[in-house]
Amino acid sequence: MGVVLYMKEGIGRNSEILEKMTRLKLMLALLTFIQIGIMAQEFKVKLYPLTPQEEAVIINKGTERPFLGEYTNNKADGVYLCKHCHTPLYTSDSKFDSYCGWPSFDQEIAGAVKRVPDADGERVEIVCAACNGHLGHVFEGEGFTKKDTRHCVNSISLIFEERKK
């Protein structure tokens, strides 16, 4: 009888502890949800409309045809912005000729571009850090520049603003 009573008391205490833990987990989840909502509001990015072709690349992670992009051979001095949110991504100082068919950069503006594993599991995708718009892919170890990095970017994902002289 004493063993059964002890087990019943233990079960009672355990269920109280589980109930309190469940309430704490729910409160923590709610606070996390509220915090994420506040952060999203605080860092809200204005998104600009896209054409169906731009949406196919920027939203649906497509690729424009090589050598046909507007900025592939651009040599002007300026800044490249994200087409979807107009966040500055690259300066013309970091652009170089890689002859791959797309604009190539060896360095992004600090904090402007995120690297994420590509769905194919082999490459590394690059996206705008502000709006997560697809830019292209990044490759390392090719030896094109001293930085040994090539951001291969779809022209259609970019806007170019020439520097005023």
N, C-alpha and C. Protein backbone atom coordinates (compact mmCIF):
# COMPACT_ATOMS: atom_id res chain seq x y z
N MET A 1 0.83 -1.19 0.00
CA MET A 1 0.00 0.00 0.00
C MET A 1 0.87 1.25 0.00
N GLY A 2 1.96 1.21 0.79
CA GLY A 2 2.84 2.36 0.85
C GLY A 2 3.50 2.64 -0.50
N VAL A 3 3.84 1.60 -1.24
CA VAL A 3 4.48 1.75 -2.54
C VAL A 3 3.50 2.37 -3.53
N VAL A 4 2.28 1.90 -3.52
CA VAL A 4 1.25 2.43 -4.43
C VAL A 4 1.01 3.90 -4.10
N LEU A 5 0.90 4.25 -2.82
CA LEU A 5 0.67 5.63 -2.41
C LEU A 5 1.84 6.51 -2.85
N TYR A 6 3.08 6.01 -2.69
CA TYR A 6 4.25 6.78 -3.09
C TYR A 6 4.21 7.03 -4.60
N MET A 7 3.86 6.01 -5.36
CA MET A 7 3.81 6.16 -6.82
C MET A 7 2.74 7.16 -7.20
N LYS A 8 1.60 7.10 -6.53
CA LYS A 8 0.53 8.05 -6.86
C LYS A 8 0.98 9.47 -6.55
N GLU A 9 1.66 9.65 -5.40
CA GLU A 9 2.14 10.99 -5.06
C GLU A 9 3.19 11.45 -6.06
N GLY A 10 4.07 10.51 -6.47
CA GLY A 10 5.11 10.84 -7.46
C GLY A 10 4.49 11.24 -8.79
N ILE A 11 3.48 10.50 -9.20
CA ILE A 11 2.80 10.81 -10.45
C ILE A 11 2.16 12.19 -10.35
N GLY A 12 1.55 12.47 -9.20
CA GLY A 12 0.93 13.78 -8.99
C GLY A 12 1.94 14.90 -9.11
N ARG A 13 3.08 14.73 -8.45
CA ARG A 13 4.12 15.76 -8.51
C ARG A 13 4.67 15.89 -9.92
N ASN A 14 4.89 14.77 -10.58
CA ASN A 14 5.40 14.81 -11.95
C ASN A 14 4.43 15.51 -12.89
N SER A 15 3.15 15.24 -12.73
CA SER A 15 2.18 15.89 -13.62
C SER A 15 2.12 17.38 -13.35
N GLU A 16 2.29 17.80 -12.08
CA GLU A 16 2.34 19.24 -11.78
C GLU A 16 3.56 19.86 -12.44
N ILE A 17 4.68 19.19 -12.34
CA ILE A 17 5.91 19.71 -12.95
C ILE A 17 5.75 19.78 -14.47
N LEU A 18 5.19 18.73 -15.06
CA LEU A 18 4.97 18.74 -16.51
C LEU A 18 4.03 19.86 -16.92
N GLU A 19 2.99 20.06 -16.13
CA GLU A 19 2.03 21.12 -16.43
C GLU A 19 2.71 22.49 -16.37
N LYS A 20 3.54 22.72 -15.35
CA LYS A 20 4.26 23.99 -15.23
C LYS A 20 5.25 24.16 -16.39
N MET A 21 5.95 23.07 -16.74
CA MET A 21 6.90 23.15 -17.86
C MET A 21 6.17 23.46 -19.17
N THR A 22 5.01 22.86 -19.36
CA THR A 22 4.23 23.11 -20.57
C THR A 22 3.80 24.57 -20.63
N ARG A 23 3.34 25.11 -19.49
CA ARG A 23 2.96 26.53 -19.45
C ARG A 23 4.15 27.42 -19.76
N LEU A 24 5.32 27.11 -19.18
CA LEU A 24 6.53 27.89 -19.45
C LEU A 24 6.94 27.83 -20.92
N LYS A 25 6.84 26.64 -21.50
CA LYS A 25 7.18 26.50 -22.92
C LYS A 25 6.22 27.33 -23.79
N LEU A 26 4.96 27.31 -23.46
CA LEU A 26 3.98 28.09 -24.21
C LEU A 26 4.25 29.59 -24.08
N MET A 27 4.58 30.02 -22.86
CA MET A 27 4.90 31.44 -22.65
C MET A 27 6.15 31.83 -23.42
N LEU A 28 7.17 30.97 -23.40
CA LEU A 28 8.40 31.24 -24.13
C LEU A 28 8.13 31.31 -25.64
N ALA A 29 7.31 30.39 -26.13
CA ALA A 29 6.96 30.39 -27.56
C ALA A 29 6.22 31.67 -27.92
N LEU A 30 5.30 32.10 -27.07
CA LEU A 30 4.55 33.33 -27.32
C LEU A 30 5.47 34.54 -27.32
N LEU A 31 6.38 34.61 -26.34
CA LEU A 31 7.32 35.72 -26.30
C LEU A 31 8.23 35.74 -27.52
N THR A 32 8.68 34.57 -27.95
CA THR A 32 9.52 34.47 -29.15
C THR A 32 8.74 34.95 -30.36
N PHE A 33 7.48 34.52 -30.48
CA PHE A 33 6.63 34.93 -31.60
C PHE A 33 6.44 36.45 -31.60
N ILE A 34 6.21 37.03 -30.43
CA ILE A 34 6.04 38.48 -30.32
C ILE A 34 7.33 39.19 -30.69
N GLN A 35 8.47 38.68 -30.22
CA GLN A 35 9.76 39.29 -30.52
C GLN A 35 10.04 39.26 -32.02
N ILE A 36 9.77 38.14 -32.67
CA ILE A 36 9.99 38.03 -34.11
C ILE A 36 9.09 39.03 -34.84
N GLY A 37 7.85 39.16 -34.40
CA GLY A 37 6.92 40.11 -35.01
C GLY A 37 7.42 41.54 -34.88
N ILE A 38 7.95 41.89 -33.72
CA ILE A 38 8.48 43.23 -33.49
C ILE A 38 9.70 43.47 -34.37
N MET A 39 10.59 42.47 -34.45
CA MET A 39 11.78 42.62 -35.30
C MET A 39 11.39 42.79 -36.76
N ALA A 40 10.40 42.02 -37.22
CA ALA A 40 9.97 42.12 -38.62
C ALA A 40 9.41 43.51 -38.90
N GLN A 41 8.65 44.06 -37.96
CA GLN A 41 8.10 45.41 -38.12
C GLN A 41 9.23 46.44 -38.13
N GLU A 42 10.19 46.26 -37.22
CA GLU A 42 11.27 47.22 -37.06
C GLU A 42 12.17 47.28 -38.29
N PHE A 43 12.41 46.12 -38.92
CA PHE A 43 13.32 46.06 -40.05
C PHE A 43 12.58 45.83 -41.36
N LYS A 44 11.36 46.25 -41.43
CA LYS A 44 10.56 46.05 -42.63
C LYS A 44 11.23 46.72 -43.83
N VAL A 45 11.27 46.01 -44.93
CA VAL A 45 11.91 46.48 -46.14
C VAL A 45 10.83 46.77 -47.17
N LYS A 46 10.97 47.89 -47.86
CA LYS A 46 10.04 48.19 -48.93
C LYS A 46 10.41 47.36 -50.14
N LEU A 47 9.44 46.65 -50.69
CA LEU A 47 9.67 45.84 -51.88
C LEU A 47 9.06 46.53 -53.09
N TYR A 48 9.79 46.53 -54.17
CA TYR A 48 9.35 47.17 -55.41
C TYR A 48 8.79 46.11 -56.35
N PRO A 49 7.83 46.49 -57.18
CA PRO A 49 7.21 45.51 -58.08
C PRO A 49 8.22 44.92 -59.07
N LEU A 50 7.98 43.68 -59.44
CA LEU A 50 8.85 42.98 -60.37
C LEU A 50 8.06 42.55 -61.61
N THR A 51 8.74 42.50 -62.73
CA THR A 51 8.14 41.95 -63.94
C THR A 51 8.08 40.43 -63.79
N PRO A 52 7.32 39.74 -64.62
CA PRO A 52 7.31 38.27 -64.54
C PRO A 52 8.71 37.65 -64.73
N GLN A 53 9.54 38.23 -65.61
CA GLN A 53 10.89 37.71 -65.82
C GLN A 53 11.75 37.92 -64.58
N GLU A 54 11.64 39.09 -63.95
CA GLU A 54 12.40 39.36 -62.72
C GLU A 54 11.94 38.45 -61.60
N GLU A 55 10.65 38.24 -61.49
CA GLU A 55 10.10 37.36 -60.45
C GLU A 55 10.58 35.93 -60.64
N ALA A 56 10.69 35.48 -61.89
CA ALA A 56 11.16 34.12 -62.16
C ALA A 56 12.56 33.89 -61.60
N VAL A 57 13.40 34.92 -61.62
CA VAL A 57 14.77 34.79 -61.10
C VAL A 57 14.83 35.13 -59.62
N ILE A 58 14.31 36.30 -59.23
CA ILE A 58 14.49 36.81 -57.87
C ILE A 58 13.65 36.04 -56.84
N ILE A 59 12.43 35.73 -57.17
CA ILE A 59 11.55 35.03 -56.22
C ILE A 59 11.64 33.51 -56.38
N ASN A 60 11.60 33.05 -57.64
CA ASN A 60 11.57 31.61 -57.91
C ASN A 60 12.95 30.99 -58.15
N LYS A 61 14.00 31.77 -57.91
CA LYS A 61 15.39 31.30 -57.95
C LYS A 61 15.81 30.75 -59.30
N GLY A 62 15.36 31.40 -60.35
CA GLY A 62 15.75 31.01 -61.70
C GLY A 62 17.10 31.61 -62.07
N THR A 63 17.49 31.43 -63.32
CA THR A 63 18.74 31.96 -63.84
C THR A 63 18.48 32.58 -65.20
N GLU A 64 18.99 33.79 -65.40
CA GLU A 64 18.85 34.39 -66.72
C GLU A 64 19.87 33.76 -67.67
N ARG A 65 19.62 33.89 -68.95
CA ARG A 65 20.53 33.31 -69.94
C ARG A 65 21.89 34.02 -69.89
N PRO A 66 22.97 33.27 -70.04
CA PRO A 66 24.31 33.87 -69.98
C PRO A 66 24.57 34.83 -71.15
N PHE A 67 25.39 35.82 -70.88
CA PHE A 67 25.88 36.80 -71.84
C PHE A 67 24.80 37.76 -72.36
N LEU A 68 23.58 37.68 -71.85
CA LEU A 68 22.51 38.56 -72.33
C LEU A 68 22.13 39.62 -71.30
N GLY A 69 22.66 39.52 -70.09
CA GLY A 69 22.29 40.44 -69.02
C GLY A 69 22.80 41.85 -69.25
N GLU A 70 22.03 42.80 -68.76
CA GLU A 70 22.31 44.23 -68.94
C GLU A 70 23.66 44.65 -68.37
N TYR A 71 24.11 44.03 -67.28
CA TYR A 71 25.32 44.49 -66.59
C TYR A 71 26.54 43.59 -66.77
N THR A 72 26.45 42.57 -67.58
CA THR A 72 27.56 41.65 -67.76
C THR A 72 28.85 42.38 -68.15
N ASN A 73 28.75 43.32 -69.07
CA ASN A 73 29.94 44.03 -69.54
C ASN A 73 30.00 45.48 -69.07
N ASN A 74 29.22 45.83 -68.07
CA ASN A 74 29.19 47.20 -67.56
C ASN A 74 30.53 47.55 -66.89
N LYS A 75 31.12 48.65 -67.30
CA LYS A 75 32.40 49.10 -66.73
C LYS A 75 32.27 50.43 -65.99
N ALA A 76 31.06 50.97 -65.92
CA ALA A 76 30.85 52.28 -65.30
C ALA A 76 31.10 52.22 -63.79
N ASP A 77 31.41 53.37 -63.21
CA ASP A 77 31.68 53.50 -61.78
C ASP A 77 30.36 53.74 -61.05
N GLY A 78 30.06 52.91 -60.07
CA GLY A 78 28.81 53.09 -59.34
C GLY A 78 28.53 51.97 -58.36
N VAL A 79 27.25 51.82 -58.03
CA VAL A 79 26.80 50.86 -57.03
C VAL A 79 25.69 50.00 -57.64
N TYR A 80 25.73 48.71 -57.33
CA TYR A 80 24.70 47.77 -57.77
C TYR A 80 23.74 47.53 -56.60
N LEU A 81 22.46 47.70 -56.86
CA LEU A 81 21.42 47.55 -55.84
C LEU A 81 20.57 46.31 -56.13
N CYS A 82 19.93 45.81 -55.09
CA CYS A 82 18.96 44.73 -55.26
C CYS A 82 17.75 45.28 -56.01
N LYS A 83 17.33 44.59 -57.05
CA LYS A 83 16.19 45.03 -57.86
C LYS A 83 14.90 45.03 -57.05
N HIS A 84 14.76 44.12 -56.09
CA HIS A 84 13.50 43.97 -55.36
C HIS A 84 13.33 44.96 -54.20
N CYS A 85 14.45 45.31 -53.51
CA CYS A 85 14.32 46.21 -52.35
C CYS A 85 15.24 47.43 -52.40
N HIS A 86 16.06 47.51 -53.43
CA HIS A 86 16.98 48.64 -53.66
C HIS A 86 18.06 48.78 -52.59
N THR A 87 18.41 47.70 -51.92
CA THR A 87 19.51 47.70 -50.97
C THR A 87 20.83 47.64 -51.73
N PRO A 88 21.81 48.50 -51.41
CA PRO A 88 23.12 48.42 -52.06
C PRO A 88 23.80 47.08 -51.74
N LEU A 89 24.28 46.41 -52.80
CA LEU A 89 24.88 45.08 -52.66
C LEU A 89 26.37 45.05 -52.99
N TYR A 90 26.74 45.69 -54.11
CA TYR A 90 28.12 45.63 -54.61
C TYR A 90 28.53 47.00 -55.14
N THR A 91 29.82 47.28 -55.08
CA THR A 91 30.34 48.48 -55.74
C THR A 91 31.05 48.03 -57.02
N SER A 92 31.18 48.97 -57.95
CA SER A 92 31.84 48.64 -59.21
C SER A 92 33.32 48.29 -58.98
N ASP A 93 33.90 48.73 -57.88
CA ASP A 93 35.30 48.40 -57.56
C ASP A 93 35.50 46.89 -57.39
N SER A 94 34.44 46.18 -57.00
CA SER A 94 34.56 44.74 -56.76
C SER A 94 34.16 43.91 -57.98
N LYS A 95 33.75 44.56 -59.07
CA LYS A 95 33.34 43.85 -60.28
C LYS A 95 34.57 43.51 -61.13
N PHE A 96 34.55 42.34 -61.72
CA PHE A 96 35.67 41.92 -62.58
C PHE A 96 35.14 41.05 -63.72
N ASP A 97 35.94 40.90 -64.75
CA ASP A 97 35.59 40.07 -65.90
C ASP A 97 35.98 38.62 -65.62
N SER A 98 34.98 37.75 -65.56
CA SER A 98 35.26 36.33 -65.37
C SER A 98 34.90 35.55 -66.63
N TYR A 99 34.23 36.22 -67.57
CA TYR A 99 33.83 35.62 -68.85
C TYR A 99 32.92 34.40 -68.65
N CYS A 100 32.12 34.44 -67.57
CA CYS A 100 31.21 33.33 -67.29
C CYS A 100 29.81 33.60 -67.85
N GLY A 101 29.56 34.85 -68.29
CA GLY A 101 28.25 35.17 -68.85
C GLY A 101 27.35 35.97 -67.94
N TRP A 102 27.79 36.19 -66.71
CA TRP A 102 27.03 36.98 -65.74
C TRP A 102 27.97 37.95 -65.05
N PRO A 103 27.47 39.04 -64.52
CA PRO A 103 28.33 39.95 -63.75
C PRO A 103 28.99 39.20 -62.60
N SER A 104 30.28 39.48 -62.38
CA SER A 104 31.03 38.82 -61.31
C SER A 104 31.62 39.86 -60.37
N PHE A 105 31.55 39.58 -59.09
CA PHE A 105 32.07 40.46 -58.04
C PHE A 105 32.88 39.61 -57.08
N ASP A 106 33.96 40.19 -56.53
CA ASP A 106 34.74 39.41 -55.58
C ASP A 106 34.50 39.83 -54.13
N GLN A 107 33.60 40.80 -53.93
CA GLN A 107 33.27 41.20 -52.56
C GLN A 107 31.95 41.94 -52.55
N GLU A 108 31.11 41.61 -51.60
CA GLU A 108 29.85 42.31 -51.41
C GLU A 108 30.04 43.46 -50.43
N ILE A 109 29.09 44.37 -50.40
CA ILE A 109 29.08 45.41 -49.35
C ILE A 109 28.79 44.68 -48.04
N ALA A 110 29.54 45.00 -47.01
CA ALA A 110 29.44 44.28 -45.72
C ALA A 110 27.99 44.13 -45.26
N GLY A 111 27.59 42.89 -45.01
CA GLY A 111 26.28 42.58 -44.47
C GLY A 111 25.14 42.61 -45.47
N ALA A 112 25.43 42.86 -46.75
CA ALA A 112 24.36 43.02 -47.75
C ALA A 112 23.92 41.72 -48.40
N VAL A 113 24.79 40.71 -48.38
CA VAL A 113 24.52 39.46 -49.08
C VAL A 113 24.67 38.28 -48.12
N LYS A 114 23.70 37.37 -48.17
CA LYS A 114 23.75 36.15 -47.35
C LYS A 114 24.08 34.96 -48.24
N ARG A 115 24.82 34.03 -47.67
CA ARG A 115 25.12 32.77 -48.34
C ARG A 115 24.26 31.68 -47.72
N VAL A 116 23.62 30.91 -48.57
CA VAL A 116 22.78 29.80 -48.10
C VAL A 116 23.05 28.57 -48.97
N PRO A 117 22.97 27.38 -48.39
CA PRO A 117 23.17 26.17 -49.20
C PRO A 117 22.12 26.12 -50.31
N ASP A 118 22.55 25.82 -51.51
CA ASP A 118 21.63 25.72 -52.65
C ASP A 118 20.83 24.43 -52.55
N ALA A 119 19.67 24.44 -53.15
CA ALA A 119 18.80 23.27 -53.13
C ALA A 119 19.47 22.05 -53.77
N ASP A 120 20.42 22.26 -54.69
CA ASP A 120 21.09 21.13 -55.34
C ASP A 120 22.12 20.46 -54.43
N GLY A 121 22.41 21.09 -53.28
CA GLY A 121 23.33 20.51 -52.32
C GLY A 121 24.79 20.64 -52.68
N GLU A 122 25.09 21.23 -53.83
CA GLU A 122 26.48 21.33 -54.27
C GLU A 122 26.99 22.76 -54.27
N ARG A 123 26.13 23.71 -54.63
CA ARG A 123 26.56 25.11 -54.74
C ARG A 123 26.10 25.91 -53.53
N VAL A 124 26.59 27.15 -53.46
CA VAL A 124 26.17 28.08 -52.41
C VAL A 124 25.42 29.22 -53.08
N GLU A 125 24.18 29.38 -52.71
CA GLU A 125 23.34 30.45 -53.25
C GLU A 125 23.65 31.75 -52.52
N ILE A 126 23.53 32.87 -53.22
CA ILE A 126 23.63 34.18 -52.58
C ILE A 126 22.29 34.89 -52.74
N VAL A 127 21.84 35.50 -51.63
CA VAL A 127 20.57 36.23 -51.61
C VAL A 127 20.78 37.58 -50.96
N CYS A 128 19.91 38.52 -51.28
CA CYS A 128 19.93 39.83 -50.63
C CYS A 128 19.63 39.63 -49.15
N ALA A 129 20.46 40.16 -48.28
CA ALA A 129 20.25 40.00 -46.83
C ALA A 129 19.00 40.73 -46.35
N ALA A 130 18.56 41.75 -47.08
CA ALA A 130 17.40 42.53 -46.65
C ALA A 130 16.07 41.89 -47.05
N CYS A 131 15.98 41.32 -48.26
CA CYS A 131 14.69 40.81 -48.73
C CYS A 131 14.73 39.34 -49.13
N ASN A 132 15.89 38.70 -49.05
CA ASN A 132 16.09 37.30 -49.44
C ASN A 132 15.88 37.03 -50.92
N GLY A 133 15.95 38.07 -51.74
CA GLY A 133 15.84 37.88 -53.18
C GLY A 133 17.04 37.14 -53.73
N HIS A 134 16.80 36.20 -54.64
CA HIS A 134 17.87 35.40 -55.24
C HIS A 134 18.74 36.28 -56.12
N LEU A 135 20.05 36.18 -55.90
CA LEU A 135 21.02 36.93 -56.70
C LEU A 135 21.77 36.01 -57.65
N GLY A 136 22.21 34.86 -57.19
CA GLY A 136 23.00 33.94 -57.98
C GLY A 136 23.70 32.95 -57.09
N HIS A 137 25.00 32.72 -57.38
CA HIS A 137 25.79 31.77 -56.60
C HIS A 137 27.18 32.32 -56.35
N VAL A 138 27.83 31.81 -55.33
CA VAL A 138 29.20 32.23 -55.01
C VAL A 138 30.12 31.02 -55.15
N PHE A 139 31.29 31.28 -55.71
CA PHE A 139 32.29 30.23 -55.93
C PHE A 139 33.62 30.70 -55.36
N GLU A 140 34.35 29.79 -54.75
CA GLU A 140 35.65 30.12 -54.16
C GLU A 140 36.71 29.17 -54.71
N GLY A 141 37.95 29.65 -54.71
CA GLY A 141 39.05 28.80 -55.11
C GLY A 141 39.30 28.75 -56.60
N GLU A 142 38.76 29.68 -57.36
CA GLU A 142 38.96 29.68 -58.81
C GLU A 142 40.16 30.51 -59.26
N GLY A 143 40.63 31.40 -58.39
CA GLY A 143 41.83 32.18 -58.68
C GLY A 143 41.64 33.38 -59.60
N PHE A 144 40.42 33.82 -59.81
CA PHE A 144 40.19 34.98 -60.68
C PHE A 144 40.77 36.27 -60.09
N THR A 145 40.65 36.44 -58.77
CA THR A 145 41.16 37.65 -58.10
C THR A 145 41.93 37.24 -56.86
N LYS A 146 42.59 38.21 -56.23
CA LYS A 146 43.33 37.93 -55.00
C LYS A 146 42.40 37.46 -53.88
N LYS A 147 41.15 37.91 -53.91
CA LYS A 147 40.18 37.51 -52.88
C LYS A 147 39.68 36.09 -53.12
N ASP A 148 39.93 35.56 -54.32
CA ASP A 148 39.62 34.17 -54.66
C ASP A 148 38.15 33.82 -54.46
N THR A 149 37.29 34.81 -54.72
CA THR A 149 35.85 34.63 -54.57
C THR A 149 35.16 35.21 -55.80
N ARG A 150 34.15 34.50 -56.30
CA ARG A 150 33.37 35.01 -57.43
C ARG A 150 31.89 34.92 -57.11
N HIS A 151 31.27 36.08 -56.94
CA HIS A 151 29.82 36.15 -56.83
C HIS A 151 29.31 36.24 -58.27
N CYS A 152 28.66 35.22 -58.73
CA CYS A 152 28.10 35.15 -60.08
C CYS A 152 26.64 35.58 -59.96
N VAL A 153 26.33 36.81 -60.42
CA VAL A 153 25.04 37.44 -60.13
C VAL A 153 24.23 37.64 -61.41
N ASN A 154 22.96 37.34 -61.34
CA ASN A 154 22.05 37.60 -62.45
C ASN A 154 21.87 39.11 -62.61
N SER A 155 22.10 39.64 -63.81
CA SER A 155 21.87 41.07 -64.06
C SER A 155 20.46 41.48 -63.70
N ILE A 156 19.51 40.60 -63.98
CA ILE A 156 18.10 40.91 -63.77
C ILE A 156 17.77 41.11 -62.28
N SER A 157 18.67 40.66 -61.39
CA SER A 157 18.49 40.84 -59.94
C SER A 157 19.02 42.18 -59.46
N LEU A 158 19.61 42.96 -60.38
CA LEU A 158 20.32 44.18 -60.00
C LEU A 158 19.75 45.44 -60.66
N ILE A 159 20.04 46.56 -60.02
CA ILE A 159 19.88 47.90 -60.59
C ILE A 159 21.24 48.56 -60.43
N PHE A 160 21.67 49.29 -61.43
CA PHE A 160 22.95 49.98 -61.34
C PHE A 160 22.72 51.48 -61.20
N GLU A 161 23.38 52.07 -60.21
CA GLU A 161 23.35 53.54 -60.04
C GLU A 161 24.76 54.06 -60.27
N GLU A 162 24.91 54.81 -61.34
CA GLU A 162 26.21 55.38 -61.67
C GLU A 162 26.56 56.48 -60.68
N ARG A 163 27.85 56.53 -60.30
CA ARG A 163 28.31 57.59 -59.39
C ARG A 163 28.33 58.91 -60.13
N LYS A 164 27.86 59.93 -59.44
CA LYS A 164 27.90 61.27 -60.02
C LYS A 164 29.31 61.80 -59.92
N LYS A 165 29.76 62.46 -61.00
CA LYS A 165 31.13 62.97 -61.03
C LYS A 165 31.18 64.43 -60.68
